[in-house]
Amino acid sequence: MNLNLNNKRALVLSSSKGIGFAIAKALVNEGCKVTMTSSSKTNLIKAKKNIIQESGRKVETQQLNIHNLNSVKKSLSKILKNGKIDILILNAPGPKPISLIDAKFKDFQETTQQCLLNLIFICQEIIKKNSLNKNGRIINLSSTTGVEPDVDMVLSNITRSALISYIKTASRELSKKNITFNSILTGGVMTERTIKLIKIHAKKNKLNYKKTLQQASNSIPVGFIADPDYFVNFITFLCSPLSGYINGAAIPLDGGLMKSI
């Protein structure tokens, strides 16, 4: 299937590793002109080299610290000087796991800035400055915790729910600009962060890591935690002009983890 993505310009945030990297690589393979961002220059260099070696195609990088609004402003300004974009993938490192009772007010402040407000700023700037082409796509990489809150994940629960609501509101108010807005609800991706979370859970409950990993896998109806490549085919389709009637959706890609209909 030809997804008609050749020469489309895509900005993929937090894309030097994990699912962000997998999406960036898939879009490059579809012929997109991709700009990858990360707070780590070292990770960006490594990711860029990896993609060039595998695809033989060019990829742009821009260091952007999603934790810091000043960095976001400066980096976004540089990115937009190169012209309008067609695809914006909202992505940010997940907040630390913590229970509601243990979370400090400062934790809520910092996580809200990183995982909500700075991402909203990027969206607002791109839309207000008319920097998204017609048939534009804004896709929010979120989590099932934004719809079904999980224990010891209060920071993720709150910020992801709020950003899903922002994306839904944008789909109601701004889609007449020929832009679609959607959220992807992942239910566990086998990345460095997931491994870290499982290790934390195992240590807290005095369990073996492998046993804890198996328990986590068994909690998903398909029986395993997917690696990032399982997500990219659908997300790439969602980036394409062929997905123009999918709008305002929060779509679970979770192996059947969510319990709600």
Protein backbone atom coordinates (compact mmCIF):
# COMPACT_ATOMS: atom_id res chain seq x y z
CA MET A 1 0.00 0.00 0.00
CA ASN A 2 1.32 3.42 -0.96
CA LEU A 3 0.83 5.69 2.05
CA ASN A 4 1.71 8.83 0.07
CA LEU A 5 4.20 9.97 2.69
CA ASN A 6 7.11 10.69 0.38
CA ASN A 7 8.66 14.12 1.11
CA LYS A 8 6.26 14.79 3.99
CA ARG A 9 8.05 16.62 6.81
CA ALA A 10 7.75 15.00 10.23
CA LEU A 11 8.82 16.19 13.67
CA VAL A 12 9.16 13.31 16.15
CA LEU A 13 9.80 14.40 19.74
CA SER A 14 11.93 12.35 22.15
CA SER A 15 12.91 10.01 19.35
CA SER A 16 16.48 8.90 20.01
CA LYS A 17 15.23 5.74 21.74
CA GLY A 18 12.21 3.52 22.25
CA ILE A 19 8.93 3.95 20.42
CA GLY A 20 9.86 7.46 19.27
CA PHE A 21 12.94 6.11 17.52
CA ALA A 22 10.95 3.27 15.93
CA ILE A 23 8.42 5.76 14.53
CA ALA A 24 11.12 8.08 13.23
CA LYS A 25 12.83 5.18 11.47
CA ALA A 26 9.57 3.95 9.94
CA LEU A 27 8.72 7.42 8.62
CA VAL A 28 12.20 7.78 7.12
CA ASN A 29 11.69 4.44 5.35
CA GLU A 30 8.41 5.80 3.92
CA GLY A 31 10.29 8.71 2.40
CA CYS A 32 9.52 11.37 5.02
CA LYS A 33 11.91 14.18 5.86
CA VAL A 34 12.22 13.51 9.57
CA THR A 35 13.52 15.73 12.36
CA MET A 36 14.35 13.81 15.54
CA THR A 37 14.72 15.44 18.95
CA SER A 38 16.22 14.44 22.28
CA SER A 39 17.74 16.15 25.30
CA SER A 40 20.88 14.04 24.72
CA LYS A 41 23.15 15.04 21.85
CA THR A 42 25.02 11.74 22.20
CA ASN A 43 21.83 9.71 21.84
CA LEU A 44 20.78 11.76 18.81
CA ILE A 45 24.11 11.16 17.05
CA LYS A 46 23.82 7.42 17.71
CA ALA A 47 20.19 7.28 16.53
CA LYS A 48 20.93 9.27 13.38
CA LYS A 49 23.86 7.02 12.50
CA ASN A 50 21.70 3.93 13.02
CA ILE A 51 18.95 5.17 10.70
CA ILE A 52 21.37 6.29 7.97
CA GLN A 53 23.16 2.94 8.05
CA GLU A 54 19.89 0.98 7.81
CA SER A 55 18.00 3.11 5.31
CA GLY A 56 20.64 5.09 3.42
CA ARG A 57 18.37 8.13 3.83
CA LYS A 58 19.03 11.48 5.46
CA VAL A 59 17.56 12.47 8.81
CA GLU A 60 17.72 15.76 10.70
CA THR A 61 18.31 16.08 14.43
CA GLN A 62 17.74 18.89 16.91
CA GLN A 63 18.68 18.80 20.56
CA LEU A 64 15.58 19.73 22.57
CA ASN A 65 15.17 19.33 26.31
CA ILE A 66 11.46 18.69 26.80
CA HIS A 67 11.92 19.33 30.56
CA ASN A 68 12.88 22.95 29.97
CA LEU A 69 10.53 25.49 28.34
CA ASN A 70 13.37 27.81 27.26
CA SER A 71 15.05 24.91 25.47
CA VAL A 72 11.73 23.99 23.86
CA LYS A 73 11.22 27.56 22.61
CA LYS A 74 14.73 27.92 21.16
CA SER A 75 14.80 24.47 19.53
CA LEU A 76 11.30 24.74 18.08
CA SER A 77 12.17 28.13 16.56
CA LYS A 78 15.14 26.56 14.77
CA ILE A 79 13.05 23.65 13.53
CA LEU A 80 10.29 25.86 12.15
CA LYS A 81 12.77 28.08 10.29
CA ASN A 82 13.21 25.15 7.89
CA GLY A 83 9.56 25.35 6.83
CA LYS A 84 6.18 23.93 7.68
CA ILE A 85 5.74 20.40 8.92
CA ASP A 86 3.15 17.80 7.97
CA ILE A 87 3.35 15.41 10.92
CA LEU A 88 3.92 16.13 14.60
CA ILE A 89 4.48 13.21 16.96
CA LEU A 90 4.08 14.32 20.59
CA ASN A 91 6.24 12.21 22.86
CA ALA A 92 7.99 12.74 26.18
CA PRO A 93 9.85 10.55 28.69
CA GLY A 94 7.38 9.03 31.10
CA PRO A 95 7.22 10.45 34.64
CA LYS A 96 8.59 8.52 37.59
CA PRO A 97 6.34 5.88 39.17
CA ILE A 98 5.06 7.05 42.54
CA SER A 99 1.98 6.61 44.70
CA LEU A 100 -0.42 9.46 45.29
CA ILE A 101 0.41 9.64 49.00
CA ASP A 102 4.17 9.77 48.37
CA ALA A 103 4.04 12.36 45.59
CA LYS A 104 5.15 15.84 46.56
CA PHE A 105 3.64 19.00 45.11
CA LYS A 106 6.95 19.65 43.35
CA ASP A 107 6.57 16.31 41.55
CA PHE A 108 3.22 17.42 40.16
CA GLN A 109 4.66 20.78 39.09
CA GLU A 110 7.67 19.29 37.29
CA THR A 111 5.72 16.50 35.59
CA THR A 112 2.96 18.84 34.45
CA GLN A 113 5.56 21.10 32.84
CA GLN A 114 7.37 18.24 31.10
CA CYS A 115 4.56 15.92 30.06
CA LEU A 116 1.75 18.40 29.50
CA LEU A 117 2.48 22.12 29.30
CA ASN A 118 5.62 21.96 27.16
CA LEU A 119 3.88 19.64 24.69
CA ILE A 120 0.86 21.95 24.57
CA PHE A 121 3.22 24.88 23.93
CA ILE A 122 4.68 23.08 20.91
CA CYS A 123 1.21 22.36 19.52
CA GLN A 124 0.00 25.91 20.11
CA GLU A 125 3.06 27.47 18.48
CA ILE A 126 2.88 25.27 15.41
CA ILE A 127 -0.86 25.82 14.95
CA LYS A 128 -0.89 29.57 15.70
CA LYS A 129 2.05 30.26 13.40
CA ASN A 130 0.33 28.25 10.67
CA SER A 131 3.36 25.98 10.56
CA LEU A 132 1.43 22.77 9.83
CA ASN A 133 0.60 22.00 6.21
CA LYS A 134 -2.89 21.06 5.03
CA ASN A 135 -3.75 17.43 5.75
CA GLY A 136 -1.54 17.77 8.81
CA ARG A 137 -1.35 15.12 11.50
CA ILE A 138 -0.79 15.60 15.23
CA ILE A 139 -0.42 12.32 17.09
CA ASN A 140 -0.04 12.12 20.84
CA LEU A 141 1.88 9.07 22.10
CA SER A 142 0.11 8.42 25.37
CA SER A 143 -0.70 5.47 27.62
CA THR A 144 -3.65 3.44 28.83
CA THR A 145 -3.04 5.11 32.21
CA GLY A 146 -4.54 8.27 30.74
CA VAL A 147 -7.91 6.51 30.49
CA GLU A 148 -7.63 3.76 33.12
CA PRO A 149 -5.49 5.14 35.98
CA ASP A 150 -3.01 2.67 37.45
CA VAL A 151 -1.74 2.41 41.02
CA ASP A 152 1.61 4.05 41.84
CA MET A 153 1.42 5.99 38.55
CA VAL A 154 -0.38 9.13 39.68
CA LEU A 155 1.91 11.52 37.76
CA SER A 156 1.40 9.60 34.53
CA ASN A 157 -2.33 9.16 35.13
CA ILE A 158 -3.00 12.87 35.57
CA THR A 159 -0.78 14.39 32.88
CA ARG A 160 -1.63 11.85 30.20
CA SER A 161 -5.35 12.22 30.84
CA ALA A 162 -5.04 15.99 30.52
CA LEU A 163 -3.11 15.84 27.24
CA ILE A 164 -5.59 13.34 25.78
CA SER A 165 -8.32 15.88 26.64
CA TYR A 166 -6.35 18.68 24.96
CA ILE A 167 -5.96 16.59 21.79
CA LYS A 168 -9.68 15.77 21.80
CA THR A 169 -10.54 19.46 22.22
CA ALA A 170 -8.22 20.38 19.34
CA SER A 171 -9.95 17.80 17.14
CA ARG A 172 -13.29 19.48 17.85
CA GLU A 173 -12.11 23.06 17.32
CA LEU A 174 -9.33 22.93 14.76
CA SER A 175 -9.94 20.10 12.31
CA LYS A 176 -11.52 22.55 9.86
CA LYS A 177 -7.92 23.62 9.28
CA ASN A 178 -7.46 20.19 7.63
CA ILE A 179 -5.57 18.79 10.60
CA THR A 180 -6.44 15.59 12.46
CA PHE A 181 -5.63 15.02 16.13
CA ASN A 182 -5.39 11.58 17.72
CA SER A 183 -3.90 9.86 20.75
CA ILE A 184 -2.31 6.42 20.91
CA LEU A 185 -2.74 4.52 24.19
CA THR A 186 0.13 2.11 24.63
CA GLY A 187 -0.25 -0.62 27.22
CA GLY A 188 3.39 -1.34 27.83
CA VAL A 189 6.27 -1.16 25.38
CA MET A 190 9.46 -3.15 25.92
CA THR A 191 11.80 -0.21 26.29
CA GLU A 192 14.43 0.85 28.82
CA ARG A 193 11.72 2.63 30.81
CA THR A 194 9.50 -0.48 30.99
CA ILE A 195 12.42 -2.61 32.12
CA LYS A 196 13.22 -0.01 34.80
CA LEU A 197 9.60 0.04 36.00
CA ILE A 198 9.50 -3.75 36.25
CA LYS A 199 12.76 -3.77 38.22
CA ILE A 200 11.38 -1.14 40.61
CA HIS A 201 8.21 -3.18 41.11
CA ALA A 202 10.23 -6.36 41.66
CA LYS A 203 12.48 -4.71 44.25
CA LYS A 204 9.54 -3.09 46.06
CA ASN A 205 7.74 -6.43 46.34
CA LYS A 206 10.92 -8.49 46.95
CA LEU A 207 10.40 -10.52 43.79
CA ASN A 208 12.66 -11.92 41.11
CA TYR A 209 12.93 -9.71 37.98
CA LYS A 210 12.21 -12.53 35.51
CA LYS A 211 9.20 -13.65 37.51
CA THR A 212 7.90 -10.08 37.69
CA LEU A 213 8.39 -9.66 33.94
CA GLN A 214 6.46 -12.86 33.31
CA GLN A 215 3.64 -11.68 35.58
CA ALA A 216 3.49 -8.38 33.68
CA SER A 217 3.39 -10.24 30.37
CA ASN A 218 0.66 -12.57 31.62
CA SER A 219 -1.48 -9.57 32.61
CA ILE A 220 -1.78 -8.69 28.92
CA PRO A 221 -4.28 -10.90 27.05
CA VAL A 222 -1.90 -11.52 24.12
CA GLY A 223 0.66 -12.78 26.65
CA PHE A 224 3.63 -10.52 25.99
CA ILE A 225 4.87 -6.94 26.17
CA ALA A 226 5.38 -5.68 22.64
CA ASP A 227 8.58 -4.13 21.38
CA PRO A 228 8.30 -0.73 19.61
CA ASP A 229 8.08 -2.24 16.12
CA TYR A 230 4.60 -3.60 16.90
CA PHE A 231 3.25 -0.05 17.04
CA VAL A 232 4.80 1.62 14.03
CA ASN A 233 2.70 0.18 11.19
CA PHE A 234 -0.57 1.58 12.55
CA ILE A 235 0.99 4.87 13.63
CA THR A 236 2.60 5.28 10.19
CA PHE A 237 -0.81 4.73 8.59
CA LEU A 238 -2.29 7.31 10.97
CA CYS A 239 0.33 9.79 9.72
CA SER A 240 -0.74 9.28 6.11
CA PRO A 241 -3.38 11.08 4.01
CA LEU A 242 -5.31 7.78 3.94
CA SER A 243 -6.32 8.22 7.60
CA GLY A 244 -8.18 11.49 7.09
CA TYR A 245 -11.43 10.32 8.73
CA ILE A 246 -9.78 9.14 11.94
CA ASN A 247 -9.95 12.17 14.19
CA GLY A 248 -10.30 12.86 17.91
CA ALA A 249 -9.72 9.22 18.79
CA ALA A 250 -7.83 7.73 21.72
CA ILE A 251 -6.79 4.41 20.24
CA PRO A 252 -5.53 1.55 22.43
CA LEU A 253 -2.55 -0.38 21.08
CA ASP A 254 -2.28 -2.47 24.20
CA GLY A 255 -2.64 -6.17 23.42
CA GLY A 256 -6.11 -6.09 25.00
CA LEU A 257 -4.91 -4.74 28.38
CA MET A 258 -7.66 -2.15 28.86
CA LYS A 259 -10.81 -3.44 30.52
CA SER A 260 -13.24 -0.79 29.28
CA ILE A 261 -15.25 -1.21 26.09
